[in-house]
Amino acid sequence: EKPRAVHGQPRKKTSNTRAPESPPSTMTEADKSFDKLQFALPVDENNKATEVRILNFSRPHMRAFHFNWVAFFFSFFAWFAIAPLVPYLRVSLDLCDNGNWDVLTDPRQCICSNACKRTLQNGNILNVVGAVAMRLVMGTWVENAGPRFSMAFIVIAFALPVAGIGLVTNAAGYIAARFFIGGIGSSFVVCQFWSSVMFSPNVVGAANATVGGWGNLGGGVTQIVMSQVGAGLAASVGYNNGWRYANLVPACFLVLIGVGLMLFSDDVPEGKFKELYASGQRKKQSYSALIMASGKDPRVWALCFIYGGCFGTEV
C-alpha cells in the first residue's frame, strides 16, 4: 500500500496496532502496556482513528464519537427548551400587562409589551453571558480534567438549573435561571476537543463537523418536542404547572447521558485521564501556562473574532 501524504508530509502506513517507537530494552512498563493497545479502527502514530465509521460503536474512538454528539445534542436541546414554553411561563410569572392565570384562561390572551419584553430579553442576554463565561472556563479545564469527565460534569451539573427553572415565581428568578442554564452551552467546547483527540488530521474535520452538526440539531428539535410536551402537560395539569413539569424532561435525559458516558467511554484512545495520570503516561498541565500559551498564539485571536462574528450573527 502506498503511503498517503497529509499537509504535504508523507505519513506512515496506518494499522490497528501501535508500532513500537523505541527498543524494548529502553521501554518502561507503562510504555509496554501503551504499546500493546488494540483498536477496532485503523489508527495513526498517535493512536487517533484515521476513519470515521458511523455504524460502529466500538471503544474508544466511535464510542466516544457517539456519546459526544448525543451529549451535545441534549445539551442544546435543554439549552433552548424554555423557548417554546415562554407563552405559558410569562403568564405564570405575571409578566403580561393584562394579568396572570387568575385573569387569563389562554396563553394567547397575554399582552406582552415593555416590561414583559425586557424581562425576556434580559433572560436571553444573561443566557448568552453564562454560555460565554463557562466556555472560557471549560477551554482550559478540559485539558486536565479530560473530555469524558468534563462533558459528564456539564450535562449533570446543568441539569439542575434546567429542572430548577420550573420553581421560579418572578422575573428576577427567571433571569437568574436563564443565566445558569447558559453554562450548558460550554458543551460545544468539550465536543470539539473530544473529537479532536480521537481522530487523525485526515478525518478530524469530518468528525468535528458531524458531532457538531448533529449536536446543534438539538436546538431545533427541542422547538418541536418541547412545544408538544408543554401543550400536553398544560392540558393535564394546567397552564400554570405544565411548563414547570416539562423542564424535567430534558433534565432527566442529561443525567442519564452523563452517567452513561462516564461509565462506558474514554477520554483519549489510550483510556481515561485518571488512569493515565496514575500510570505516569500523562502529566497535568498548569492552567496559567495553558492560558498564556493560547493568548500568545495569533491564530487563537483570529479564530476568536471569526467565531465571534458567526455566533453573534446566529444569536
Protein backbone atom coordinates (compact mmCIF):
# COMPACT_ATOMS: atom_id res chain seq x y z
CA GLU A 1 0.00 0.00 0.00
CA LYS A 2 1.38 3.38 -0.98
CA PRO A 3 1.70 5.81 1.98
CA ARG A 4 -0.62 8.79 1.82
CA ALA A 5 0.50 12.38 2.36
CA VAL A 6 -1.05 14.74 4.87
CA HIS A 7 -0.33 18.50 4.64
CA GLY A 8 2.50 17.77 2.21
CA GLN A 9 4.25 15.33 4.50
CA PRO A 10 4.43 11.57 3.89
CA ARG A 11 2.74 9.61 6.63
CA LYS A 12 3.32 6.14 7.89
CA LYS A 13 1.07 3.27 6.91
CA THR A 14 -1.73 3.04 9.44
CA SER A 15 -2.70 -0.09 11.30
CA ASN A 16 -4.92 -1.18 14.15
CA THR A 17 -1.94 -1.75 16.44
CA ARG A 18 0.50 0.92 17.51
CA ALA A 19 4.03 0.05 16.41
CA PRO A 20 6.86 0.36 18.98
CA GLU A 21 8.86 3.56 18.74
CA SER A 22 11.82 2.56 20.91
CA PRO A 23 13.79 -0.62 21.58
CA PRO A 24 12.21 -2.94 24.16
CA SER A 25 15.22 -2.62 26.41
CA THR A 26 14.60 1.12 26.91
CA MET A 27 10.80 0.98 27.39
CA THR A 28 9.18 1.40 30.79
CA GLU A 29 6.36 -0.87 31.96
CA ALA A 30 3.88 1.93 31.23
CA ASP A 31 5.30 2.24 27.70
CA LYS A 32 4.97 -1.51 27.13
CA SER A 33 1.31 -1.58 28.12
CA PHE A 34 0.73 1.52 26.00
CA ASP A 35 2.37 -0.23 23.04
CA LYS A 36 0.05 -3.24 23.22
CA LEU A 37 -3.18 -1.28 22.72
CA GLN A 38 -5.55 -2.77 20.17
CA PHE A 39 -8.21 -0.78 18.28
CA ALA A 40 -11.18 -1.67 16.11
CA LEU A 41 -10.36 1.18 13.71
CA PRO A 42 -7.08 1.87 11.89
CA VAL A 43 -5.04 4.47 13.77
CA ASP A 44 -2.07 6.76 13.15
CA GLU A 45 1.13 7.01 15.17
CA ASN A 46 -0.76 8.94 17.88
CA ASN A 47 -3.49 6.29 18.18
CA LYS A 48 -6.02 8.60 16.56
CA ALA A 49 -8.51 6.92 14.25
CA THR A 50 -7.93 7.51 10.54
CA GLU A 51 -11.51 6.58 9.63
CA VAL A 52 -14.98 7.55 10.83
CA ARG A 53 -17.34 4.59 10.76
CA ILE A 54 -20.77 5.91 11.67
CA LEU A 55 -22.37 2.49 12.28
CA ASN A 56 -19.51 1.36 14.52
CA PHE A 57 -19.86 1.75 18.30
CA SER A 58 -16.58 0.21 19.48
CA ARG A 59 -14.33 1.70 22.13
CA PRO A 60 -12.59 4.03 22.28
CA HIS A 61 -12.98 6.08 19.08
CA MET A 62 -16.51 5.50 17.87
CA ARG A 63 -17.93 5.02 21.35
CA ALA A 64 -16.62 8.48 22.22
CA PHE A 65 -17.91 9.81 18.89
CA HIS A 66 -21.49 8.72 19.58
CA PHE A 67 -21.56 9.71 23.23
CA ASN A 68 -20.10 13.04 22.18
CA TRP A 69 -22.76 14.04 19.68
CA VAL A 70 -25.62 12.64 21.78
CA ALA A 71 -24.48 14.58 24.87
CA PHE A 72 -24.04 17.72 22.77
CA PHE A 73 -27.46 17.20 21.16
CA PHE A 74 -29.24 17.04 24.51
CA SER A 75 -27.19 19.92 25.85
CA PHE A 76 -28.56 22.13 23.11
CA PHE A 77 -31.98 20.52 23.47
CA ALA A 78 -32.00 21.56 27.14
CA TRP A 79 -30.39 24.94 26.49
CA PHE A 80 -33.24 26.07 24.23
CA ALA A 81 -36.03 24.01 25.80
CA ILE A 82 -37.58 27.01 27.55
CA ALA A 83 -38.25 28.96 24.34
CA PRO A 84 -41.39 27.01 23.28
CA LEU A 85 -42.71 27.31 26.84
CA VAL A 86 -42.49 31.12 27.06
CA PRO A 87 -46.21 31.64 26.19
CA TYR A 88 -47.09 29.72 29.38
CA LEU A 89 -44.40 30.98 31.74
CA ARG A 90 -44.87 34.68 31.02
CA VAL A 91 -48.45 34.36 32.30
CA SER A 92 -47.39 32.24 35.29
CA LEU A 93 -44.73 34.77 36.31
CA ASP A 94 -47.21 37.64 35.98
CA LEU A 95 -45.24 39.31 33.20
CA CYS A 96 -48.24 40.04 30.99
CA ASP A 97 -49.71 43.54 31.07
CA ASN A 98 -53.23 42.16 31.42
CA GLY A 99 -52.72 39.76 34.33
CA ASN A 100 -51.82 36.16 35.18
CA TRP A 101 -53.77 32.91 35.32
CA ASP A 102 -56.16 34.42 37.86
CA VAL A 103 -57.46 36.55 35.00
CA LEU A 104 -56.43 34.83 31.76
CA THR A 105 -57.70 31.47 30.58
CA ASP A 106 -55.50 31.04 27.48
CA PRO A 107 -51.78 31.90 26.94
CA ARG A 108 -52.64 33.62 23.67
CA GLN A 109 -54.53 36.28 25.62
CA CYS A 110 -51.27 37.62 27.09
CA ILE A 111 -50.31 41.17 26.13
CA CYS A 112 -46.52 41.29 26.45
CA SER A 113 -45.22 44.82 25.99
CA ASN A 114 -42.43 46.90 27.58
CA ALA A 115 -41.67 45.32 30.98
CA CYS A 116 -42.56 41.82 29.80
CA LYS A 117 -40.33 42.06 26.72
CA ARG A 118 -37.45 43.50 28.76
CA THR A 119 -37.57 40.54 31.14
CA LEU A 120 -37.47 38.05 28.30
CA GLN A 121 -34.69 39.96 26.53
CA ASN A 122 -32.62 40.22 29.71
CA GLY A 123 -33.04 36.50 30.19
CA ASN A 124 -31.73 35.90 26.67
CA ILE A 125 -28.76 38.20 27.21
CA LEU A 126 -27.78 36.63 30.53
CA ASN A 127 -28.20 33.20 28.97
CA VAL A 128 -25.52 34.00 26.36
CA VAL A 129 -23.29 35.60 29.01
CA GLY A 130 -23.46 32.38 31.03
CA ALA A 131 -22.52 30.35 27.96
CA VAL A 132 -19.53 32.53 27.06
CA ALA A 133 -18.23 32.62 30.64
CA MET A 134 -18.46 28.85 31.06
CA ARG A 135 -16.83 28.26 27.68
CA LEU A 136 -13.83 30.30 28.75
CA VAL A 137 -13.52 28.21 31.92
CA MET A 138 -14.07 24.90 30.17
CA GLY A 139 -11.49 25.63 27.48
CA THR A 140 -8.61 25.22 29.93
CA TRP A 141 -10.32 22.86 32.39
CA VAL A 142 -10.93 20.16 29.78
CA GLU A 143 -7.18 19.93 29.11
CA ASN A 144 -6.59 18.46 32.58
CA ALA A 145 -9.98 17.03 33.56
CA GLY A 146 -10.44 15.27 30.23
CA PRO A 147 -13.38 15.49 27.80
CA ARG A 148 -15.24 12.49 29.24
CA PHE A 149 -15.44 13.87 32.77
CA SER A 150 -15.93 17.44 31.52
CA MET A 151 -18.91 16.51 29.34
CA ALA A 152 -20.42 14.42 32.14
CA PHE A 153 -19.97 17.30 34.57
CA ILE A 154 -21.66 19.76 32.22
CA VAL A 155 -24.73 17.68 31.43
CA ILE A 156 -25.28 16.53 35.02
CA ALA A 157 -24.49 19.82 36.80
CA PHE A 158 -26.53 21.98 34.44
CA ALA A 159 -29.46 19.60 34.56
CA LEU A 160 -30.13 21.27 37.93
CA PRO A 161 -30.93 24.78 36.62
CA VAL A 162 -32.74 23.24 33.62
CA ALA A 163 -35.11 21.48 36.01
CA GLY A 164 -34.95 24.28 38.59
CA ILE A 165 -36.37 26.95 36.29
CA GLY A 166 -39.73 25.34 36.92
CA LEU A 167 -39.51 26.58 40.52
CA VAL A 168 -39.17 30.29 39.74
CA THR A 169 -42.01 32.61 40.68
CA ASN A 170 -40.94 36.02 39.38
CA ALA A 171 -38.95 37.87 36.71
CA ALA A 172 -35.72 38.00 38.73
CA GLY A 173 -35.77 34.25 39.29
CA TYR A 174 -36.38 33.64 35.59
CA ILE A 175 -33.41 35.81 34.55
CA ALA A 176 -31.11 34.14 37.10
CA ALA A 177 -32.16 30.66 35.96
CA ARG A 178 -31.52 31.60 32.34
CA PHE A 179 -28.00 32.72 33.25
CA PHE A 180 -27.13 29.41 34.89
CA ILE A 181 -28.73 27.36 32.12
CA GLY A 182 -26.48 29.20 29.66
CA GLY A 183 -23.48 27.37 31.09
CA ILE A 184 -24.57 24.21 29.33
CA GLY A 185 -23.56 25.87 26.07
CA SER A 186 -19.94 25.13 27.02
CA SER A 187 -20.57 21.55 25.91
CA PHE A 188 -19.62 22.76 22.44
CA VAL A 189 -16.02 23.32 23.59
CA VAL A 190 -15.77 19.82 25.03
CA CYS A 191 -17.47 18.32 21.97
CA GLN A 192 -14.84 19.69 19.60
CA PHE A 193 -11.95 18.87 21.95
CA TRP A 194 -13.11 15.27 22.42
CA SER A 195 -13.46 14.67 18.72
CA SER A 196 -10.05 16.23 18.01
CA VAL A 197 -8.18 13.93 20.41
CA MET A 198 -9.87 10.83 18.99
CA PHE A 199 -9.48 11.37 15.24
CA SER A 200 -6.49 11.87 12.97
CA PRO A 201 -5.97 15.09 10.94
CA ASN A 202 -7.12 13.37 7.74
CA VAL A 203 -10.66 12.86 9.14
CA VAL A 204 -10.91 15.17 12.15
CA GLY A 205 -12.67 17.85 10.10
CA ALA A 206 -15.40 15.43 9.10
CA ALA A 207 -15.63 14.08 12.65
CA ASN A 208 -15.88 17.56 14.19
CA ALA A 209 -18.45 18.68 11.64
CA THR A 210 -20.59 15.59 12.20
CA VAL A 211 -20.66 15.67 16.01
CA GLY A 212 -21.11 19.45 15.94
CA GLY A 213 -23.82 19.39 13.29
CA TRP A 214 -25.79 16.55 14.81
CA GLY A 215 -25.43 18.14 18.22
CA ASN A 216 -26.70 21.50 17.03
CA LEU A 217 -29.86 19.79 15.80
CA GLY A 218 -30.89 19.60 19.45
CA GLY A 219 -31.62 23.32 19.41
CA GLY A 220 -34.13 22.83 16.60
CA VAL A 221 -35.66 19.53 17.68
CA THR A 222 -36.46 21.00 21.10
CA GLN A 223 -38.72 23.60 19.46
CA ILE A 224 -40.89 20.80 18.11
CA VAL A 225 -40.72 18.37 21.02
CA MET A 226 -40.99 20.78 23.95
CA SER A 227 -43.90 22.67 22.44
CA GLN A 228 -45.81 19.38 22.29
CA VAL A 229 -44.67 18.32 25.77
CA GLY A 230 -45.69 21.70 27.17
CA ALA A 231 -49.08 21.60 25.49
CA GLY A 232 -49.72 18.03 26.65
CA LEU A 233 -48.83 18.76 30.26
CA ALA A 234 -50.78 22.02 30.21
CA ALA A 235 -53.86 20.05 29.18
CA SER A 236 -53.38 17.54 32.00
CA VAL A 237 -52.07 19.59 34.94
CA GLY A 238 -52.98 23.13 33.89
CA TYR A 239 -51.20 26.03 32.20
CA ASN A 240 -49.54 27.21 35.39
CA ASN A 241 -47.81 23.90 36.14
CA GLY A 242 -47.48 22.24 32.75
CA TRP A 243 -44.43 24.22 31.63
CA ARG A 244 -42.79 23.68 35.02
CA TYR A 245 -43.01 19.89 34.79
CA ALA A 246 -41.99 19.97 31.13
CA ASN A 247 -38.47 21.08 32.06
CA LEU A 248 -37.92 17.81 33.88
CA VAL A 249 -37.84 16.00 30.52
CA PRO A 250 -34.54 17.45 29.19
CA ALA A 251 -33.06 17.40 32.71
CA CYS A 252 -33.63 13.65 33.02
CA PHE A 253 -32.08 12.99 29.61
CA LEU A 254 -29.00 15.00 30.61
CA VAL A 255 -28.43 13.00 33.79
CA LEU A 256 -28.86 9.65 32.03
CA ILE A 257 -26.40 10.58 29.29
CA GLY A 258 -23.88 11.93 31.79
CA VAL A 259 -23.89 8.71 33.80
CA GLY A 260 -23.68 6.61 30.65
CA LEU A 261 -20.69 8.33 29.13
CA MET A 262 -18.83 8.31 32.44
CA LEU A 263 -19.26 4.54 32.68
CA PHE A 264 -18.83 3.45 29.08
CA SER A 265 -16.46 5.83 27.25
CA ASP A 266 -12.87 7.10 27.33
CA ASP A 267 -11.09 10.47 27.33
CA VAL A 268 -8.46 9.59 24.72
CA PRO A 269 -7.58 6.47 22.69
CA GLU A 270 -5.28 5.28 25.49
CA GLY A 271 -8.06 5.37 28.09
CA LYS A 272 -9.20 7.61 30.94
CA PHE A 273 -7.19 10.61 32.16
CA LYS A 274 -7.37 9.43 35.77
CA GLU A 275 -5.72 6.11 34.90
CA LEU A 276 -3.14 7.75 32.64
CA TYR A 277 -2.15 10.19 35.41
CA ALA A 278 -1.79 7.29 37.85
CA SER A 279 0.42 5.31 35.45
CA GLY A 280 2.59 8.29 34.58
CA GLN A 281 1.66 8.25 30.89
CA ARG A 282 0.14 11.72 31.19
CA LYS A 283 1.09 14.80 33.22
CA LYS A 284 -1.22 17.57 34.38
CA GLN A 285 -0.57 20.97 32.86
CA SER A 286 -0.52 24.37 34.53
CA TYR A 287 -3.71 26.31 33.85
CA SER A 288 -1.81 29.59 33.76
CA ALA A 289 0.64 28.12 31.23
CA LEU A 290 -2.24 26.96 29.05
CA ILE A 291 -3.85 30.40 29.14
CA MET A 292 -0.56 32.16 28.38
CA ALA A 293 0.26 29.83 25.50
CA SER A 294 -3.13 30.29 23.87
CA GLY A 295 -3.07 34.05 24.48
CA LYS A 296 0.23 34.40 22.61
CA ASP A 297 -0.95 32.48 19.56
CA PRO A 298 -2.28 34.86 16.87
CA ARG A 299 -4.33 32.04 15.35
CA VAL A 300 -6.36 31.88 18.56
CA TRP A 301 -7.28 35.57 18.26
CA ALA A 302 -8.08 35.24 14.56
CA LEU A 303 -10.47 32.37 15.27
CA CYS A 304 -11.87 34.29 18.23
CA PHE A 305 -13.01 37.18 16.04
CA ILE A 306 -14.23 34.91 13.25
CA TYR A 307 -16.31 32.74 15.60
CA GLY A 308 -17.46 35.84 17.48
CA GLY A 309 -18.91 37.22 14.28
CA CYS A 310 -20.55 33.90 13.40
CA PHE A 311 -22.01 33.32 16.86
CA GLY A 312 -23.13 36.94 17.11
CA THR A 313 -24.98 36.62 13.81
CA GLU A 314 -26.54 33.33 14.93
CA VAL A 315 -27.99 34.64 18.18
